[in-house]
């Protein structure tokens, strides 16, 4: 990891637990993954039905979206244009 990558990760870490709007839906930033890097967004509304290991409906859980910051080295993900911070 280069110094620039480390700096970017520190900046992204500031967004943890921030409420955001992504593609018109409310989410919460629950994690920042160094692989990519990526933001992990948890749906604030409308939990999805999660299956168990056997494929049977098990429980309601928030939906998760992995939002990569780059789509390829040096190219910012254009979907970030639809990400708005509430706070």
PDB file of N, CA and C in Angstrom:
ATOM      1  N   UNK A   1       0.848  -1.173   0.000  1.00  0.00           N
ATOM      2  CA  UNK A   1       0.000   0.000   0.000  1.00  0.00           C
ATOM      3  C   UNK A   1       0.892   1.234   0.000  1.00  0.00           C
ATOM      4  N   UNK A   2       0.668   2.132  -0.940  1.00  0.00           N
ATOM      5  CA  UNK A   2       1.483   3.340  -1.033  1.00  0.00           C
ATOM      6  C   UNK A   2       0.992   4.379  -0.036  1.00  0.00           C
ATOM      7  N   UNK A   3       1.788   5.451   0.134  1.00  0.00           N
ATOM      8  CA  UNK A   3       1.393   6.536   1.032  1.00  0.00           C
ATOM      9  C   UNK A   3       0.100   7.195   0.563  1.00  0.00           C
ATOM     10  N   UNK A   4      -0.070   7.321  -0.766  1.00  0.00           N
ATOM     11  CA  UNK A   4      -1.292   7.923  -1.313  1.00  0.00           C
ATOM     12  C   UNK A   4      -2.498   7.064  -0.981  1.00  0.00           C
ATOM     13  N   UNK A   5      -2.368   5.738  -1.122  1.00  0.00           N
ATOM     14  CA  UNK A   5      -3.460   4.826  -0.788  1.00  0.00           C
ATOM     15  C   UNK A   5      -3.810   4.926   0.693  1.00  0.00           C
ATOM     16  N   UNK A   6      -2.785   5.003   1.529  1.00  0.00           N
ATOM     17  CA  UNK A   6      -2.999   5.096   2.974  1.00  0.00           C
ATOM     18  C   UNK A   6      -3.742   6.387   3.307  1.00  0.00           C
ATOM     19  N   UNK A   7      -3.370   7.474   2.641  1.00  0.00           N
ATOM     20  CA  UNK A   7      -4.042   8.764   2.846  1.00  0.00           C
ATOM     21  C   UNK A   7      -5.505   8.657   2.437  1.00  0.00           C
ATOM     22  N   UNK A   8      -5.780   8.039   1.290  1.00  0.00           N
ATOM     23  CA  UNK A   8      -7.152   7.889   0.826  1.00  0.00           C
ATOM     24  C   UNK A   8      -7.971   7.052   1.796  1.00  0.00           C
ATOM     25  N   UNK A   9      -7.386   5.999   2.347  1.00  0.00           N
ATOM     26  CA  UNK A   9      -8.106   5.155   3.299  1.00  0.00           C
ATOM     27  C   UNK A   9      -8.438   5.933   4.560  1.00  0.00           C
ATOM     28  N   UNK A  10      -7.517   6.789   5.006  1.00  0.00           N
ATOM     29  CA  UNK A  10      -7.793   7.616   6.181  1.00  0.00           C
ATOM     30  C   UNK A  10      -8.944   8.565   5.901  1.00  0.00           C
ATOM     31  N   UNK A  11      -8.970   9.148   4.708  1.00  0.00           N
ATOM     32  CA  UNK A  11     -10.055  10.050   4.325  1.00  0.00           C
ATOM     33  C   UNK A  11     -11.379   9.298   4.257  1.00  0.00           C
ATOM     34  N   UNK A  12     -11.367   8.107   3.658  1.00  0.00           N
ATOM     35  CA  UNK A  12     -12.598   7.316   3.549  1.00  0.00           C
ATOM     36  C   UNK A  12     -13.087   6.869   4.921  1.00  0.00           C
ATOM     37  N   UNK A  13     -12.171   6.603   5.842  1.00  0.00           N
ATOM     38  CA  UNK A  13     -12.541   6.184   7.182  1.00  0.00           C
ATOM     39  C   UNK A  13     -13.358   7.219   7.932  1.00  0.00           C
ATOM     40  N   UNK A  14     -13.252   8.478   7.527  1.00  0.00           N
ATOM     41  CA  UNK A  14     -14.033   9.540   8.166  1.00  0.00           C
ATOM     42  C   UNK A  14     -15.529   9.391   7.896  1.00  0.00           C
ATOM     43  N   UNK A  15     -15.886   8.621   6.875  1.00  0.00           N
ATOM     44  CA  UNK A  15     -17.288   8.475   6.501  1.00  0.00           C
ATOM     45  C   UNK A  15     -18.000   7.343   7.230  1.00  0.00           C
ATOM     46  N   UNK A  16     -17.283   6.598   8.078  1.00  0.00           N
ATOM     47  CA  UNK A  16     -17.913   5.507   8.831  1.00  0.00           C
ATOM     48  C   UNK A  16     -19.080   6.041   9.654  1.00  0.00           C
ATOM     49  N   UNK A  17     -20.173   5.313   9.654  1.00  0.00           N
ATOM     50  CA  UNK A  17     -21.400   5.645  10.389  1.00  0.00           C
ATOM     51  C   UNK A  17     -22.104   6.897   9.883  1.00  0.00           C
ATOM     52  N   UNK A  18     -21.772   7.344   8.680  1.00  0.00           N
ATOM     53  CA  UNK A  18     -22.467   8.472   8.069  1.00  0.00           C
ATOM     54  C   UNK A  18     -23.703   7.973   7.334  1.00  0.00           C
ATOM     55  N   UNK A  19     -24.772   8.748   7.434  1.00  0.00           N
ATOM     56  CA  UNK A  19     -25.971   8.448   6.655  1.00  0.00           C
ATOM     57  C   UNK A  19     -25.793   9.037   5.277  1.00  0.00           C
ATOM     58  N   UNK A  20     -26.116   8.242   4.248  1.00  0.00           N
ATOM     59  CA  UNK A  20     -25.947   8.686   2.868  1.00  0.00           C
ATOM     60  C   UNK A  20     -27.186   8.330   2.050  1.00  0.00           C
ATOM     61  N   UNK A  21     -27.321   8.976   0.925  1.00  0.00           N
ATOM     62  CA  UNK A  21     -28.300   8.628  -0.094  1.00  0.00           C
ATOM     63  C   UNK A  21     -27.507   8.106  -1.281  1.00  0.00           C
ATOM     64  N   UNK A  22     -27.823   6.903  -1.736  1.00  0.00           N
ATOM     65  CA  UNK A  22     -27.154   6.332  -2.894  1.00  0.00           C
ATOM     66  C   UNK A  22     -28.216   5.853  -3.866  1.00  0.00           C
ATOM     67  N   UNK A  23     -28.196   6.414  -5.053  1.00  0.00           N
ATOM     68  CA  UNK A  23     -29.190   6.114  -6.079  1.00  0.00           C
ATOM     69  C   UNK A  23     -30.608   6.312  -5.543  1.00  0.00           C
ATOM     70  N   UNK A  24     -30.767   7.365  -4.731  1.00  0.00           N
ATOM     71  CA  UNK A  24     -32.084   7.743  -4.230  1.00  0.00           C
ATOM     72  C   UNK A  24     -32.583   6.951  -3.037  1.00  0.00           C
ATOM     73  N   UNK A  25     -31.759   6.086  -2.447  1.00  0.00           N
ATOM     74  CA  UNK A  25     -32.174   5.274  -1.306  1.00  0.00           C
ATOM     75  C   UNK A  25     -31.271   5.555  -0.112  1.00  0.00           C
ATOM     76  N   UNK A  26     -31.838   5.499   1.117  1.00  0.00           N
ATOM     77  CA  UNK A  26     -31.024   5.781   2.310  1.00  0.00           C
ATOM     78  C   UNK A  26     -30.164   4.585   2.718  1.00  0.00           C
ATOM     79  N   UNK A  27     -28.923   4.878   3.071  1.00  0.00           N
ATOM     80  CA  UNK A  27     -27.964   3.870   3.512  1.00  0.00           C
ATOM     81  C   UNK A  27     -27.152   4.421   4.674  1.00  0.00           C
ATOM     82  N   UNK A  28     -26.414   3.519   5.324  1.00  0.00           N
ATOM     83  CA  UNK A  28     -25.456   3.872   6.356  1.00  0.00           C
ATOM     84  C   UNK A  28     -24.111   3.279   5.949  1.00  0.00           C
ATOM     85  N   UNK A  29     -23.045   4.067   6.019  1.00  0.00           N
ATOM     86  CA  UNK A  29     -21.702   3.550   5.715  1.00  0.00           C
ATOM     87  C   UNK A  29     -21.245   2.761   6.936  1.00  0.00           C
ATOM     88  N   UNK A  30     -21.116   1.441   6.787  1.00  0.00           N
ATOM     89  CA  UNK A  30     -20.774   0.589   7.933  1.00  0.00           C
ATOM     90  C   UNK A  30     -19.327   0.121   7.928  1.00  0.00           C
ATOM     91  N   UNK A  31     -18.643   0.227   6.785  1.00  0.00           N
ATOM     92  CA  UNK A  31     -17.246  -0.215   6.737  1.00  0.00           C
ATOM     93  C   UNK A  31     -16.578   0.367   5.504  1.00  0.00           C
ATOM     94  N   UNK A  32     -15.264   0.410   5.558  1.00  0.00           N
ATOM     95  CA  UNK A  32     -14.444   0.783   4.402  1.00  0.00           C
ATOM     96  C   UNK A  32     -13.460  -0.355   4.191  1.00  0.00           C
ATOM     97  N   UNK A  33     -13.535  -1.001   3.036  1.00  0.00           N
ATOM     98  CA  UNK A  33     -12.648  -2.115   2.732  1.00  0.00           C
ATOM     99  C   UNK A  33     -11.422  -1.613   1.980  1.00  0.00           C
ATOM    100  N   UNK A  34     -10.250  -2.084   2.376  1.00  0.00           N
ATOM    101  CA  UNK A  34      -9.024  -1.667   1.699  1.00  0.00           C
ATOM    102  C   UNK A  34      -8.914  -2.291   0.319  1.00  0.00           C
ATOM    103  N   UNK A  35      -9.599  -3.411   0.108  1.00  0.00           N
ATOM    104  CA  UNK A  35      -9.574  -4.079  -1.194  1.00  0.00           C
ATOM    105  C   UNK A  35     -10.406  -3.270  -2.173  1.00  0.00           C
ATOM    106  N   UNK A  36      -9.757  -2.529  -2.993  1.00  0.00           N
ATOM    107  CA  UNK A  36     -10.494  -1.732  -3.987  1.00  0.00           C
ATOM    108  C   UNK A  36     -10.060  -0.287  -4.040  1.00  0.00           C
ATOM    109  N   UNK A  37     -10.234   0.534  -3.069  1.00  0.00           N
ATOM    110  CA  UNK A  37     -11.033   0.430  -1.853  1.00  0.00           C
ATOM    111  C   UNK A  37     -12.537   0.464  -2.162  1.00  0.00           C
ATOM    112  N   UNK A  38     -13.329   0.053  -1.179  1.00  0.00           N
ATOM    113  CA  UNK A  38     -14.776   0.009  -1.340  1.00  0.00           C
ATOM    114  C   UNK A  38     -15.462   0.514  -0.077  1.00  0.00           C
ATOM    115  N   UNK A  39     -16.603   1.161  -0.266  1.00  0.00           N
ATOM    116  CA  UNK A  39     -17.472   1.510   0.847  1.00  0.00           C
ATOM    117  C   UNK A  39     -18.505   0.399   0.999  1.00  0.00           C
ATOM    118  N   UNK A  40     -18.792   0.018   2.240  1.00  0.00           N
ATOM    119  CA  UNK A  40     -19.841  -0.959   2.513  1.00  0.00           C
ATOM    120  C   UNK A  40     -21.040  -0.172   3.028  1.00  0.00           C
ATOM    121  N   UNK A  41     -22.131  -0.223   2.259  1.00  0.00           N
ATOM    122  CA  UNK A  41     -23.341   0.506   2.604  1.00  0.00           C
ATOM    123  C   UNK A  41     -24.408  -0.468   3.064  1.00  0.00           C
ATOM    124  N   UNK A  42     -25.074  -0.132   4.172  1.00  0.00           N
ATOM    125  CA  UNK A  42     -26.164  -0.956   4.705  1.00  0.00           C
ATOM    126  C   UNK A  42     -27.469  -0.207   4.494  1.00  0.00           C
ATOM    127  N   UNK A  43     -28.456  -0.896   3.925  1.00  0.00           N
ATOM    128  CA  UNK A  43     -29.751  -0.269   3.671  1.00  0.00           C
ATOM    129  C   UNK A  43     -30.391   0.163   4.976  1.00  0.00           C
ATOM    130  N   UNK A  44     -30.907   1.381   4.988  1.00  0.00           N
ATOM    131  CA  UNK A  44     -31.552   1.906   6.185  1.00  0.00           C
ATOM    132  C   UNK A  44     -33.014   1.481   6.269  1.00  0.00           C
ATOM    133  N   UNK A  45     -33.593   1.090   5.167  1.00  0.00           N
ATOM    134  CA  UNK A  45     -35.003   0.708   5.123  1.00  0.00           C
ATOM    135  C   UNK A  45     -35.160  -0.607   4.372  1.00  0.00           C
ATOM    136  N   UNK A  46     -36.343  -1.189   4.465  1.00  0.00           N
ATOM    137  CA  UNK A  46     -36.725  -2.370   3.693  1.00  0.00           C
ATOM    138  C   UNK A  46     -35.730  -3.517   3.809  1.00  0.00           C
ATOM    139  N   UNK A  47     -35.678  -4.170   4.969  1.00  0.00           N
ATOM    140  CA  UNK A  47     -34.773  -5.323   5.079  1.00  0.00           C
ATOM    141  C   UNK A  47     -35.166  -6.425   4.096  1.00  0.00           C
ATOM    142  N   UNK A  48     -34.187  -7.170   3.665  1.00  0.00           N
ATOM    143  CA  UNK A  48     -34.416  -8.271   2.726  1.00  0.00           C
ATOM    144  C   UNK A  48     -34.494  -9.574   3.523  1.00  0.00           C
ATOM    145  N   UNK A  49     -35.116 -10.576   2.936  1.00  0.00           N
ATOM    146  CA  UNK A  49     -35.178 -11.886   3.585  1.00  0.00           C
ATOM    147  C   UNK A  49     -33.903 -12.635   3.244  1.00  0.00           C
ATOM    148  N   UNK A  50     -33.176 -13.022   4.279  1.00  0.00           N
ATOM    149  CA  UNK A  50     -31.895 -13.695   4.108  1.00  0.00           C
ATOM    150  C   UNK A  50     -32.108 -15.211   4.220  1.00  0.00           C
ATOM    151  N   UNK A  51     -31.508 -15.940   3.309  1.00  0.00           N
ATOM    152  CA  UNK A  51     -31.607 -17.402   3.326  1.00  0.00           C
ATOM    153  C   UNK A  51     -30.577 -17.993   4.281  1.00  0.00           C
ATOM    154  N   UNK A  52     -30.886 -19.199   4.782  1.00  0.00           N
ATOM    155  CA  UNK A  52     -29.909 -19.918   5.588  1.00  0.00           C
ATOM    156  C   UNK A  52     -28.996 -20.723   4.653  1.00  0.00           C
ATOM    157  N   UNK A  53     -28.144 -21.552   5.214  1.00  0.00           N
ATOM    158  CA  UNK A  53     -27.178 -22.315   4.418  1.00  0.00           C
ATOM    159  C   UNK A  53     -27.851 -23.307   3.471  1.00  0.00           C
ATOM    160  N   UNK A  54     -29.112 -23.627   3.734  1.00  0.00           N
ATOM    161  CA  UNK A  54     -29.838 -24.591   2.901  1.00  0.00           C
ATOM    162  C   UNK A  54     -30.739 -23.917   1.869  1.00  0.00           C
ATOM    163  N   UNK A  55     -30.665 -22.581   1.792  1.00  0.00           N
ATOM    164  CA  UNK A  55     -31.453 -21.851   0.809  1.00  0.00           C
ATOM    165  C   UNK A  55     -32.877 -21.558   1.243  1.00  0.00           C
ATOM    166  N   UNK A  56     -33.188 -21.809   2.497  1.00  0.00           N
ATOM    167  CA  UNK A  56     -34.531 -21.541   3.015  1.00  0.00           C
ATOM    168  C   UNK A  56     -34.563 -20.160   3.661  1.00  0.00           C
ATOM    169  N   UNK A  57     -35.697 -19.462   3.542  1.00  0.00           N
ATOM    170  CA  UNK A  57     -35.803 -18.145   4.196  1.00  0.00           C
ATOM    171  C   UNK A  57     -35.541 -18.272   5.686  1.00  0.00           C
ATOM    172  N   UNK A  58     -34.721 -17.368   6.209  1.00  0.00           N
ATOM    173  CA  UNK A  58     -34.285 -17.505   7.593  1.00  0.00           C
ATOM    174  C   UNK A  58     -34.654 -16.296   8.456  1.00  0.00           C
ATOM    175  N   UNK A  59     -34.293 -15.090   7.980  1.00  0.00           N
ATOM    176  CA  UNK A  59     -34.532 -13.888   8.785  1.00  0.00           C
ATOM    177  C   UNK A  59     -34.522 -12.662   7.893  1.00  0.00           C
ATOM    178  N   UNK A  60     -34.988 -11.567   8.463  1.00  0.00           N
ATOM    179  CA  UNK A  60     -34.902 -10.277   7.771  1.00  0.00           C
ATOM    180  C   UNK A  60     -33.584  -9.617   8.178  1.00  0.00           C
ATOM    181  N   UNK A  61     -32.884  -9.118   7.189  1.00  0.00           N
ATOM    182  CA  UNK A  61     -31.591  -8.480   7.441  1.00  0.00           C
ATOM    183  C   UNK A  61     -31.451  -7.292   6.490  1.00  0.00           C
ATOM    184  N   UNK A  62     -30.711  -6.288   6.892  1.00  0.00           N
ATOM    185  CA  UNK A  62     -30.524  -5.143   5.988  1.00  0.00           C
ATOM    186  C   UNK A  62     -29.739  -5.563   4.747  1.00  0.00           C
ATOM    187  N   UNK A  63     -30.111  -4.989   3.622  1.00  0.00           N
ATOM    188  CA  UNK A  63     -29.364  -5.231   2.395  1.00  0.00           C
ATOM    189  C   UNK A  63     -28.011  -4.548   2.453  1.00  0.00           C
ATOM    190  N   UNK A  64     -27.036  -5.132   1.805  1.00  0.00           N
ATOM    191  CA  UNK A  64     -25.675  -4.593   1.795  1.00  0.00           C
ATOM    192  C   UNK A  64     -25.275  -4.300   0.357  1.00  0.00           C
ATOM    193  N   UNK A  65     -24.633  -3.156   0.159  1.00  0.00           N
ATOM    194  CA  UNK A  65     -24.110  -2.776  -1.153  1.00  0.00           C
ATOM    195  C   UNK A  65     -22.620  -2.495  -0.999  1.00  0.00           C
ATOM    196  N   UNK A  66     -21.804  -3.107  -1.839  1.00  0.00           N
ATOM    197  CA  UNK A  66     -20.376  -2.785  -1.901  1.00  0.00           C
ATOM    198  C   UNK A  66     -20.183  -1.779  -3.017  1.00  0.00           C
ATOM    199  N   UNK A  67     -19.682  -0.616  -2.681  1.00  0.00           N
ATOM    200  CA  UNK A  67     -19.501   0.456  -3.649  1.00  0.00           C
ATOM    201  C   UNK A  67     -18.012   0.699  -3.868  1.00  0.00           C
ATOM    202  N   UNK A  68     -17.461   0.188  -4.984  1.00  0.00           N
ATOM    203  CA  UNK A  68     -16.035   0.417  -5.237  1.00  0.00           C
ATOM    204  C   UNK A  68     -15.766   1.894  -5.558  1.00  0.00           C
ATOM    205  N   UNK A  69     -14.647   2.389  -5.082  1.00  0.00           N
ATOM    206  CA  UNK A  69     -14.264   3.777  -5.349  1.00  0.00           C
ATOM    207  C   UNK A  69     -13.705   3.898  -6.763  1.00  0.00           C
ATOM    208  N   UNK A  70     -12.951   2.905  -7.194  1.00  0.00           N
ATOM    209  CA  UNK A  70     -12.372   2.896  -8.546  1.00  0.00           C
ATOM    210  C   UNK A  70     -12.940   1.723  -9.337  1.00  0.00           C
ATOM    211  N   UNK A  71     -13.215   1.935 -10.631  1.00  0.00           N
ATOM    212  CA  UNK A  71     -13.657   0.815 -11.465  1.00  0.00           C
ATOM    213  C   UNK A  71     -12.473   0.138 -12.147  1.00  0.00           C
ATOM    214  N   UNK A  72     -11.389   0.859 -12.275  1.00  0.00           N
ATOM    215  CA  UNK A  72     -10.097   0.310 -12.678  1.00  0.00           C
ATOM    216  C   UNK A  72      -9.050   1.296 -12.185  1.00  0.00           C
ATOM    217  N   UNK A  73      -7.790   0.898 -12.105  1.00  0.00           N
ATOM    218  CA  UNK A  73      -6.778   1.782 -11.513  1.00  0.00           C
ATOM    219  C   UNK A  73      -6.804   3.193 -12.110  1.00  0.00           C
ATOM    220  N   UNK A  74      -6.982   4.166 -11.223  1.00  0.00           N
ATOM    221  CA  UNK A  74      -6.974   5.562 -11.631  1.00  0.00           C
ATOM    222  C   UNK A  74      -8.285   6.081 -12.182  1.00  0.00           C
ATOM    223  N   UNK A  75      -9.307   5.235 -12.345  1.00  0.00           N
ATOM    224  CA  UNK A  75     -10.596   5.670 -12.890  1.00  0.00           C
ATOM    225  C   UNK A  75     -11.670   5.590 -11.805  1.00  0.00           C
ATOM    226  N   UNK A  76     -12.146   6.769 -11.382  1.00  0.00           N
ATOM    227  CA  UNK A  76     -13.163   6.861 -10.332  1.00  0.00           C
ATOM    228  C   UNK A  76     -14.476   6.255 -10.819  1.00  0.00           C
ATOM    229  N   UNK A  77     -15.164   5.559  -9.929  1.00  0.00           N
ATOM    230  CA  UNK A  77     -16.462   4.959 -10.232  1.00  0.00           C
ATOM    231  C   UNK A  77     -17.495   6.061 -10.504  1.00  0.00           C
ATOM    232  N   UNK A  78     -18.131   6.070 -11.676  1.00  0.00           N
ATOM    233  CA  UNK A  78     -19.114   7.119 -11.978  1.00  0.00           C
ATOM    234  C   UNK A  78     -20.366   7.032 -11.102  1.00  0.00           C
ATOM    235  N   UNK A  79     -20.625   5.893 -10.477  1.00  0.00           N
ATOM    236  CA  UNK A  79     -21.775   5.763  -9.576  1.00  0.00           C
ATOM    237  C   UNK A  79     -21.634   6.640  -8.339  1.00  0.00           C
ATOM    238  N   UNK A  80     -20.410   7.080  -8.040  1.00  0.00           N
ATOM    239  CA  UNK A  80     -20.209   7.957  -6.884  1.00  0.00           C
ATOM    240  C   UNK A  80     -20.915   9.293  -7.060  1.00  0.00           C
ATOM    241  N   UNK A  81     -21.258   9.641  -8.300  1.00  0.00           N
ATOM    242  CA  UNK A  81     -22.014  10.878  -8.551  1.00  0.00           C
ATOM    243  C   UNK A  81     -23.401  10.829  -7.927  1.00  0.00           C
ATOM    244  N   UNK A  82     -23.907   9.626  -7.620  1.00  0.00           N
ATOM    245  CA  UNK A  82     -25.246   9.489  -7.037  1.00  0.00           C
ATOM    246  C   UNK A  82     -25.182   9.304  -5.521  1.00  0.00           C
ATOM    247  N   UNK A  83     -24.015   9.494  -4.910  1.00  0.00           N
ATOM    248  CA  UNK A  83     -23.817   9.345  -3.473  1.00  0.00           C
ATOM    249  C   UNK A  83     -23.845  10.717  -2.821  1.00  0.00           C
ATOM    250  N   UNK A  84     -24.802  10.911  -1.898  1.00  0.00           N
ATOM    251  CA  UNK A  84     -24.943  12.186  -1.198  1.00  0.00           C
ATOM    252  C   UNK A  84     -24.940  11.926   0.298  1.00  0.00           C
ATOM    253  N   UNK A  85     -24.202  12.743   1.042  1.00  0.00           N
ATOM    254  CA  UNK A  85     -24.110  12.590   2.482  1.00  0.00           C
ATOM    255  C   UNK A  85     -25.189  13.426   3.159  1.00  0.00           C
ATOM    256  N   UNK A  86     -25.883  12.797   4.118  1.00  0.00           N
ATOM    257  CA  UNK A  86     -26.970  13.474   4.828  1.00  0.00           C
ATOM    258  C   UNK A  86     -26.463  14.356   5.966  1.00  0.00           C
ATOM    259  N   UNK A  87     -25.327  13.998   6.559  1.00  0.00           N
ATOM    260  CA  UNK A  87     -24.847  14.779   7.703  1.00  0.00           C
ATOM    261  C   UNK A  87     -23.497  15.351   7.445  1.00  0.00           C
TER     262      UNK A  87
END
